[in-house]
Amino acid sequence: MLRINPFAALRPLPQFSAHVASVPFDVLSAAEARAIAASNELSFLRVTRAEIDLPPDTDPHSDSVYERALINFRELQKKGVFVQDDKPGIYIYRLRVVLLGREVEQTGVVCCCHIDDYNNGLIKKHEKTRQDKEEDRTRHIITINANAGPVFLLYKNQNQIEALVQAEIEKEPLYDFTAVDGVRHTIWRTEDPDLYVQAFARLDDAYIADGHHRSASAARAAAYFRENNANHTGAEQYNWFLTVLFPADQLSVLPYHRVVKDLNGTKPDQLLRKLKEIGTVEKAGKPEPDEAGSFGMYFENRWFRLTLPKESIINHHPVNSLDYVLLYDRILNPVLGIGEIRTDQRIDFVGGIRGTKELEKRVDSGECAVAFAMRAATINQLLSVADAGMIMPPKSTWFEPKLRSGLLIHTLD
């Protein structure tokens, strides 16, 4: 039984919503965040990426950054930017955008999920997390005493939930604005939260789509608060963390491309010969691969298609059949010498929203020597990996459009 809980959201007044709303803290570099917030004093990036208000050489994990996050958070409240709902509620959040030429719409339920459902595996993972990133967001939660950004969860479709949501979105929204990137964000407050609590209780589980570090950090922060509260009862807000639950069939997964900085001492013609021993290599008319076990490869100002023999792929294995694993096991590691993919500085990752032109740019500029265009993992692959208790490779799912932080904040008071 999945537990969800309404919460009294701290949220911007409607006239400030578009200014406050910011993309998740971890999809931007510090320089990008600094540029976006430069002309917007209300941007919630000043809370989630507070180093942008400090000198550029500031260590993002220094005490001053967390102190600045709290100062900025309090300043926004003092300015009258936010209002706190007077009673707990559940909210509906719809995102609409034209994504790579296709109209995309997804509508989720904003609520809190229980930390113990995460700890006990009812909320399933498909990625490993890095300790430094966990520690960073844990400290951020503890310092500002709030969940600043929601975790993006998915669930297997349930008709009752869909009917509740559909009835809700016929009403007047709290917010309705289009961000500078073209994503339209619309949020409603539901009239009867208990109906959603009861409907989600019929689900056996949910899955993290995006936000593994936010989930892990919320759990660590809860453990900290529990340990330091002599009067802990289990009813405290820190036992819950902020989530948006979307039906699985509405989600759009984009590929996560790979770029490698050098050819590991191999000349271009030698690389082609090695790859022809692994699979079929041919010039490609388009960058994107269109079948499993196939990759677009860009180097020497040309696109190639590399296709692995179908009989060499173990299709029944949830992880080993993934294109991201196949690329690493057959090419990145043995041919290009890439070691631990999470830490090797010779490889970088390009989210699919940036398109394959970004791959060409990286290689043509000399920043990288070769790029690999990937097929997107499917939702069914993600579910299969999570259900099997396994882990997908790093940087193998890019969900778009992105939820905004700062619109609905879960305070832990």
Protein backbone atom coordinates (compact mmCIF):
# COMPACT_ATOMS: atom_id res chain seq x y z
CA MET A 1 0.00 0.00 0.00
CA LEU A 2 1.51 3.30 -1.11
CA ARG A 3 1.06 6.12 1.39
CA ILE A 4 0.61 9.71 0.24
CA ASN A 5 -0.15 12.75 2.34
CA PRO A 6 -1.51 16.25 1.71
CA PHE A 7 0.66 19.18 2.80
CA ALA A 8 0.19 22.90 3.37
CA ALA A 9 2.26 24.23 0.48
CA LEU A 10 4.40 27.32 0.73
CA ARG A 11 3.89 28.75 -2.75
CA PRO A 12 4.34 31.99 -4.69
CA LEU A 13 1.51 34.39 -5.22
CA PRO A 14 0.22 33.93 -8.79
CA GLN A 15 1.80 37.15 -10.07
CA PHE A 16 5.25 35.88 -9.02
CA SER A 17 4.93 32.23 -10.07
CA ALA A 18 6.66 32.46 -13.46
CA HIS A 19 9.54 34.45 -11.94
CA VAL A 20 10.07 32.09 -9.01
CA ALA A 21 9.78 28.77 -10.87
CA SER A 22 13.15 27.24 -11.70
CA VAL A 23 14.37 24.04 -13.31
CA PRO A 24 15.83 21.35 -11.00
CA PHE A 25 19.13 22.33 -9.39
CA ASP A 26 21.07 19.49 -11.02
CA VAL A 27 20.32 20.10 -14.70
CA LEU A 28 22.34 23.32 -14.89
CA SER A 29 25.96 24.18 -14.38
CA ALA A 30 26.74 27.00 -11.95
CA ALA A 31 27.50 29.28 -14.90
CA GLU A 32 24.17 28.48 -16.57
CA ALA A 33 22.26 29.03 -13.31
CA ARG A 34 24.08 32.31 -12.75
CA ALA A 35 23.18 33.54 -16.23
CA ILE A 36 19.50 32.60 -15.87
CA ALA A 37 19.11 34.28 -12.49
CA ALA A 38 21.17 37.36 -13.33
CA SER A 39 18.16 39.51 -14.24
CA ASN A 40 15.63 37.76 -11.97
CA GLU A 41 15.95 38.43 -8.25
CA LEU A 42 12.98 36.14 -7.53
CA SER A 43 14.40 33.03 -9.20
CA PHE A 44 14.28 30.03 -6.88
CA LEU A 45 17.73 29.11 -8.20
CA ARG A 46 18.95 31.55 -5.57
CA VAL A 47 17.76 29.00 -3.01
CA THR A 48 18.59 25.74 -4.77
CA ARG A 49 21.89 26.96 -6.27
CA ALA A 50 22.82 29.69 -3.77
CA GLU A 51 26.47 29.71 -4.88
CA ILE A 52 25.35 31.88 -7.81
CA ASP A 53 25.12 34.81 -5.36
CA LEU A 54 28.68 34.25 -4.18
CA PRO A 55 32.05 34.66 -5.96
CA PRO A 56 32.49 32.25 -8.91
CA ASP A 57 35.33 30.37 -7.22
CA THR A 58 33.18 29.50 -4.16
CA ASP A 59 33.12 25.82 -3.24
CA PRO A 60 29.45 24.81 -3.79
CA HIS A 61 29.65 22.63 -0.66
CA SER A 62 31.04 25.32 1.63
CA ASP A 63 29.18 26.59 4.71
CA SER A 64 28.62 29.94 3.04
CA VAL A 65 26.52 28.39 0.27
CA TYR A 66 24.03 26.73 2.64
CA GLU A 67 23.91 29.88 4.77
CA ARG A 68 23.19 31.93 1.65
CA ALA A 69 20.43 29.49 0.63
CA LEU A 70 18.67 30.05 3.94
CA ILE A 71 19.13 33.83 3.75
CA ASN A 72 17.73 33.94 0.22
CA PHE A 73 14.82 31.67 1.18
CA ARG A 74 13.90 33.90 4.10
CA GLU A 75 14.29 37.05 2.02
CA LEU A 76 11.79 35.79 -0.56
CA GLN A 77 9.32 35.16 2.24
CA LYS A 78 9.93 38.57 3.82
CA LYS A 79 9.29 40.24 0.47
CA GLY A 80 5.80 38.74 0.42
CA VAL A 81 6.52 36.54 -2.58
CA PHE A 82 5.08 33.41 -0.93
CA VAL A 83 1.86 32.46 0.79
CA GLN A 84 1.40 29.38 3.00
CA ASP A 85 -1.81 27.45 2.48
CA ASP A 86 -3.84 27.38 5.68
CA LYS A 87 -4.61 23.68 5.47
CA PRO A 88 -3.00 20.61 3.88
CA GLY A 89 -3.84 19.96 0.26
CA ILE A 90 -3.02 17.84 -2.76
CA TYR A 91 -2.32 19.52 -6.07
CA ILE A 92 -2.46 18.66 -9.77
CA TYR A 93 0.46 19.68 -12.00
CA ARG A 94 0.20 19.61 -15.80
CA LEU A 95 3.06 20.27 -18.20
CA ARG A 96 2.57 20.88 -21.92
CA VAL A 97 5.25 21.45 -24.55
CA VAL A 98 6.18 20.75 -28.14
CA LEU A 99 9.11 18.38 -27.75
CA LEU A 100 11.28 17.64 -30.78
CA GLY A 101 8.32 18.34 -33.06
CA ARG A 102 5.77 16.40 -30.99
CA GLU A 103 3.14 17.73 -28.59
CA VAL A 104 3.67 16.33 -25.11
CA GLU A 105 1.32 16.58 -22.15
CA GLN A 106 1.69 14.97 -18.73
CA THR A 107 -0.40 15.53 -15.63
CA GLY A 108 0.69 14.45 -12.16
CA VAL A 109 -0.46 14.51 -8.55
CA VAL A 110 1.62 16.64 -6.17
CA CYS A 111 1.69 15.24 -2.65
CA CYS A 112 4.08 13.89 -0.05
CA CYS A 113 5.23 10.27 0.05
CA HIS A 114 6.44 8.55 3.18
CA ILE A 115 10.16 8.23 3.81
CA ASP A 116 9.70 4.66 5.05
CA ASP A 117 8.06 3.66 1.76
CA TYR A 118 11.29 4.77 0.10
CA ASN A 119 13.48 3.04 2.69
CA ASN A 120 11.47 -0.19 2.44
CA GLY A 121 11.48 -0.34 -1.37
CA LEU A 122 7.82 0.47 -2.08
CA ILE A 123 9.20 3.42 -3.99
CA LYS A 124 11.57 1.68 -6.36
CA LYS A 125 14.90 2.94 -7.67
CA HIS A 126 16.76 2.28 -10.88
CA GLU A 127 19.93 4.35 -10.33
CA LYS A 128 22.82 4.48 -7.91
CA THR A 129 23.48 7.74 -6.12
CA ARG A 130 26.70 9.57 -5.35
CA GLN A 131 27.50 10.22 -1.70
CA ASP A 132 28.72 13.77 -2.29
CA LYS A 133 25.46 14.73 -4.02
CA GLU A 134 23.42 13.05 -1.30
CA GLU A 135 25.31 14.92 1.38
CA ASP A 136 24.86 18.22 -0.44
CA ARG A 137 21.06 17.98 -0.73
CA THR A 138 20.72 16.48 2.76
CA ARG A 139 22.46 19.51 4.21
CA HIS A 140 20.34 21.78 2.01
CA ILE A 141 17.10 20.24 3.35
CA ILE A 142 18.27 20.46 6.96
CA THR A 143 19.45 24.06 6.56
CA ILE A 144 16.31 25.51 4.95
CA ASN A 145 14.01 23.03 6.74
CA ALA A 146 12.09 22.26 3.57
CA ASN A 147 11.96 20.08 0.47
CA ALA A 148 12.73 22.71 -2.15
CA GLY A 149 12.21 20.54 -5.24
CA PRO A 150 9.85 17.63 -5.94
CA VAL A 151 10.88 14.07 -6.77
CA PHE A 152 9.48 12.89 -10.11
CA LEU A 153 7.72 9.55 -9.55
CA LEU A 154 5.72 7.36 -11.90
CA TYR A 155 3.07 4.76 -11.28
CA LYS A 156 1.36 2.15 -13.39
CA ASN A 157 -1.88 3.65 -14.65
CA GLN A 158 -4.89 3.45 -12.38
CA ASN A 159 -8.29 4.43 -13.78
CA GLN A 160 -9.65 5.84 -10.53
CA ILE A 161 -6.75 8.27 -10.18
CA GLU A 162 -7.09 9.34 -13.81
CA ALA A 163 -10.80 10.05 -13.32
CA LEU A 164 -10.10 12.17 -10.24
CA VAL A 165 -7.44 14.16 -12.07
CA GLN A 166 -9.60 14.69 -15.14
CA ALA A 167 -12.42 16.15 -13.05
CA GLU A 168 -9.96 18.46 -11.29
CA ILE A 169 -8.44 20.05 -14.38
CA GLU A 170 -11.83 21.33 -15.55
CA LYS A 171 -11.67 23.90 -12.74
CA GLU A 172 -9.86 27.21 -12.32
CA PRO A 173 -6.10 26.71 -11.76
CA LEU A 174 -3.86 28.32 -9.18
CA TYR A 175 -1.17 28.95 -11.79
CA ASP A 176 -1.05 28.88 -15.56
CA PHE A 177 2.04 30.27 -17.29
CA THR A 178 4.45 29.42 -20.07
CA ALA A 179 8.14 29.45 -19.16
CA VAL A 180 10.84 30.87 -21.40
CA ASP A 181 11.66 27.37 -22.70
CA GLY A 182 8.11 26.98 -24.03
CA VAL A 183 6.81 24.64 -21.32
CA ARG A 184 3.34 25.54 -20.08
CA HIS A 185 2.87 24.89 -16.36
CA THR A 186 -0.63 24.65 -14.88
CA ILE A 187 -1.40 23.79 -11.26
CA TRP A 188 -4.69 23.15 -9.47
CA ARG A 189 -5.47 22.58 -5.80
CA THR A 190 -7.79 19.60 -5.27
CA GLU A 191 -10.97 19.92 -3.26
CA ASP A 192 -10.89 16.54 -1.47
CA PRO A 193 -7.38 15.23 -0.72
CA ASP A 194 -8.74 12.11 1.00
CA LEU A 195 -10.00 10.77 -2.34
CA TYR A 196 -6.40 10.75 -3.61
CA VAL A 197 -5.01 9.24 -0.42
CA GLN A 198 -7.50 6.38 -0.76
CA ALA A 199 -6.88 5.90 -4.50
CA PHE A 200 -3.10 5.75 -4.18
CA ALA A 201 -3.42 3.32 -1.26
CA ARG A 202 -4.56 0.79 -3.86
CA LEU A 203 -1.15 0.89 -5.52
CA ASP A 204 1.53 -1.56 -4.44
CA ASP A 205 4.42 0.66 -5.44
CA ALA A 206 5.75 3.65 -7.34
CA TYR A 207 8.99 4.28 -9.25
CA ILE A 208 11.52 7.09 -9.19
CA ALA A 209 11.79 8.54 -12.67
CA ASP A 210 13.95 11.57 -11.85
CA GLY A 211 15.22 12.57 -8.43
CA HIS A 212 17.18 9.68 -6.94
CA HIS A 213 19.47 12.06 -5.07
CA ARG A 214 16.56 14.15 -3.80
CA SER A 215 14.86 10.98 -2.51
CA ALA A 216 17.98 9.65 -0.82
CA SER A 217 18.69 13.06 0.70
CA ALA A 218 15.15 13.38 2.04
CA ALA A 219 15.57 9.99 3.72
CA ARG A 220 18.90 11.00 5.23
CA ALA A 221 17.47 14.29 6.46
CA ALA A 222 14.54 12.46 8.04
CA ALA A 223 16.94 10.13 9.84
CA TYR A 224 18.81 13.17 11.13
CA PHE A 225 15.65 14.86 12.39
CA ARG A 226 14.39 11.66 14.01
CA GLU A 227 17.67 11.13 15.80
CA ASN A 228 17.75 14.69 17.08
CA ASN A 229 14.12 14.91 18.17
CA ALA A 230 13.67 13.42 21.64
CA ASN A 231 9.90 13.80 21.23
CA HIS A 232 9.66 12.14 17.83
CA THR A 233 6.17 10.69 17.25
CA GLY A 234 6.13 9.79 13.56
CA ALA A 235 3.60 12.51 12.77
CA GLU A 236 6.22 15.15 11.89
CA GLN A 237 6.45 16.60 8.39
CA TYR A 238 10.06 15.44 8.01
CA ASN A 239 8.72 11.87 7.73
CA TRP A 240 7.33 12.83 4.31
CA PHE A 241 9.00 14.17 1.17
CA LEU A 242 7.72 16.18 -1.78
CA THR A 243 6.76 14.22 -4.91
CA VAL A 244 4.82 14.45 -8.16
CA LEU A 245 3.31 11.15 -9.31
CA PHE A 246 2.68 10.71 -13.04
CA PRO A 247 0.99 7.81 -14.86
CA ALA A 248 3.65 5.85 -16.73
CA ASP A 249 2.04 6.04 -20.16
CA GLN A 250 2.25 9.86 -20.24
CA LEU A 251 5.99 10.17 -19.79
CA SER A 252 8.54 11.06 -22.43
CA VAL A 253 12.04 9.65 -22.11
CA LEU A 254 14.80 11.15 -24.23
CA PRO A 255 18.19 9.56 -24.87
CA TYR A 256 21.35 10.44 -22.98
CA HIS A 257 24.14 10.65 -25.54
CA ARG A 258 27.84 9.98 -24.89
CA VAL A 259 30.90 12.00 -25.95
CA VAL A 260 34.49 10.86 -25.45
CA LYS A 261 37.38 13.31 -25.33
CA ASP A 262 40.03 11.21 -27.15
CA LEU A 263 40.43 7.95 -29.07
CA ASN A 264 42.62 6.30 -26.44
CA GLY A 265 45.71 6.50 -28.62
CA THR A 266 43.93 4.95 -31.62
CA LYS A 267 43.98 6.57 -35.06
CA PRO A 268 40.63 7.11 -36.80
CA ASP A 269 41.17 4.38 -39.41
CA GLN A 270 42.30 1.97 -36.68
CA LEU A 271 39.15 2.74 -34.67
CA LEU A 272 36.95 1.92 -37.66
CA ARG A 273 38.75 -1.37 -38.19
CA LYS A 274 38.29 -2.33 -34.53
CA LEU A 275 34.62 -1.43 -34.63
CA LYS A 276 34.06 -3.51 -37.78
CA GLU A 277 35.26 -6.51 -35.79
CA ILE A 278 32.51 -5.80 -33.25
CA GLY A 279 29.58 -5.05 -35.55
CA THR A 280 28.49 -3.53 -38.83
CA VAL A 281 29.79 -0.03 -39.53
CA GLU A 282 28.36 2.07 -42.35
CA LYS A 283 27.89 5.71 -43.22
CA ALA A 284 24.59 7.01 -41.83
CA GLY A 285 22.06 9.33 -43.40
CA LYS A 286 20.79 10.46 -40.01
CA PRO A 287 22.35 10.58 -36.53
CA GLU A 288 19.64 8.81 -34.53
CA PRO A 289 19.69 5.00 -34.37
CA ASP A 290 16.33 3.35 -34.95
CA GLU A 291 16.77 -0.16 -33.56
CA ALA A 292 18.08 -1.87 -30.44
CA GLY A 293 21.81 -2.59 -30.45
CA SER A 294 22.47 0.25 -32.87
CA PHE A 295 24.34 3.53 -32.29
CA GLY A 296 24.97 6.72 -34.19
CA MET A 297 28.68 7.58 -34.14
CA TYR A 298 30.10 10.97 -35.12
CA PHE A 299 33.76 11.64 -35.75
CA GLU A 300 35.94 13.00 -38.53
CA ASN A 301 32.96 15.23 -39.55
CA ARG A 302 30.80 12.24 -40.50
CA TRP A 303 27.98 10.18 -39.03
CA PHE A 304 28.29 6.40 -39.00
CA ARG A 305 25.89 3.69 -37.91
CA LEU A 306 27.31 0.92 -35.74
CA THR A 307 25.03 -2.11 -35.35
CA LEU A 308 25.78 -5.07 -33.11
CA PRO A 309 24.87 -8.63 -34.19
CA LYS A 310 21.37 -9.34 -32.88
CA GLU A 311 22.31 -12.86 -31.79
CA SER A 312 24.97 -11.41 -29.46
CA ILE A 313 22.42 -9.52 -27.33
CA ILE A 314 20.85 -11.24 -24.30
CA ASN A 315 17.38 -9.77 -24.73
CA HIS A 316 15.81 -11.37 -21.65
CA HIS A 317 18.19 -9.69 -19.21
CA PRO A 318 16.73 -6.34 -17.94
CA VAL A 319 20.11 -4.59 -17.70
CA ASN A 320 22.53 -6.38 -20.02
CA SER A 321 20.19 -5.85 -22.98
CA LEU A 322 20.20 -2.06 -22.58
CA ASP A 323 21.94 -0.12 -25.32
CA TYR A 324 23.84 1.89 -22.72
CA VAL A 325 25.33 -1.29 -21.27
CA LEU A 326 26.08 -2.73 -24.70
CA LEU A 327 27.91 0.42 -25.76
CA TYR A 328 30.02 0.42 -22.61
CA ASP A 329 30.78 -3.32 -22.60
CA ARG A 330 31.60 -3.58 -26.31
CA ILE A 331 33.13 -0.19 -27.16
CA LEU A 332 33.62 2.41 -24.46
CA ASN A 333 35.56 0.17 -22.11
CA PRO A 334 37.51 -2.31 -24.30
CA VAL A 335 38.16 -0.03 -27.30
CA LEU A 336 38.22 3.51 -25.93
CA GLY A 337 39.52 2.63 -22.47
CA ILE A 338 36.75 4.30 -20.45
CA GLY A 339 36.91 3.07 -16.86
CA GLU A 340 34.32 3.69 -14.14
CA ILE A 341 31.73 5.65 -16.08
CA ARG A 342 30.66 7.71 -13.07
CA THR A 343 34.13 9.11 -12.48
CA ASP A 344 36.18 8.83 -15.69
CA GLN A 345 36.93 12.38 -16.81
CA ARG A 346 37.36 11.33 -20.46
CA ILE A 347 33.63 10.81 -20.99
CA ASP A 348 30.75 13.26 -20.80
CA PHE A 349 26.99 13.04 -21.30
CA VAL A 350 24.60 15.12 -23.39
CA GLY A 351 20.89 15.11 -22.59
CA GLY A 352 18.65 14.37 -25.54
CA ILE A 353 16.89 17.72 -25.29
CA ARG A 354 20.07 19.33 -26.64
CA GLY A 355 19.84 17.29 -29.83
CA THR A 356 22.50 15.65 -31.95
CA LYS A 357 23.74 19.03 -33.19
CA GLU A 358 25.30 19.42 -29.77
CA LEU A 359 27.27 16.21 -30.39
CA GLU A 360 28.55 17.55 -33.70
CA LYS A 361 29.51 20.81 -32.00
CA ARG A 362 31.48 19.04 -29.28
CA VAL A 363 33.45 16.98 -31.79
CA ASP A 364 33.93 19.62 -34.47
CA SER A 365 35.27 22.07 -31.88
CA GLY A 366 37.95 19.59 -30.83
CA GLU A 367 36.57 19.36 -27.30
CA CYS A 368 35.77 15.68 -27.95
CA ALA A 369 37.03 13.13 -30.45
CA VAL A 370 33.93 10.96 -30.93
CA ALA A 371 30.24 11.08 -30.02
CA PHE A 372 27.64 8.34 -29.75
CA ALA A 373 23.96 9.05 -30.37
CA MET A 374 21.76 6.70 -28.34
CA ARG A 375 18.23 5.37 -28.56
CA ALA A 376 16.08 6.37 -25.60
CA ALA A 377 15.43 3.72 -22.98
CA THR A 378 11.74 2.86 -22.74
CA ILE A 379 9.48 3.15 -19.71
CA ASN A 380 9.01 -0.62 -19.83
CA GLN A 381 12.78 -1.11 -19.63
CA LEU A 382 12.95 1.18 -16.61
CA LEU A 383 10.10 -0.69 -14.90
CA SER A 384 11.68 -4.06 -15.63
CA VAL A 385 15.02 -2.99 -14.17
CA ALA A 386 13.41 -1.53 -11.04
CA ASP A 387 11.10 -4.52 -10.55
CA ALA A 388 14.12 -6.83 -10.74
CA GLY A 389 15.89 -4.79 -8.07
CA MET A 390 18.63 -3.91 -10.53
CA ILE A 391 20.33 -0.65 -11.48
CA MET A 392 20.46 1.10 -14.83
CA PRO A 393 23.74 2.60 -16.01
CA PRO A 394 24.40 6.23 -15.04
CA LYS A 395 22.91 8.87 -17.32
CA SER A 396 20.58 6.54 -19.17
CA THR A 397 17.24 8.37 -18.84
CA TRP A 398 16.48 12.00 -19.54
CA PHE A 399 12.90 12.95 -18.73
CA GLU A 400 11.41 15.99 -20.38
CA PRO A 401 9.74 18.38 -19.70
CA LYS A 402 11.28 19.15 -16.33
CA LEU A 403 9.30 19.94 -13.19
CA ARG A 404 9.83 23.40 -11.72
CA SER A 405 11.10 24.00 -8.20
CA GLY A 406 9.67 26.76 -6.02
CA LEU A 407 6.03 26.45 -7.08
CA LEU A 408 4.98 24.11 -4.27
CA ILE A 409 7.37 23.86 -1.33
CA HIS A 410 7.03 21.33 1.48
CA THR A 411 8.12 22.92 4.75
CA LEU A 412 9.16 20.60 7.57
CA ASP A 413 7.94 22.70 10.52
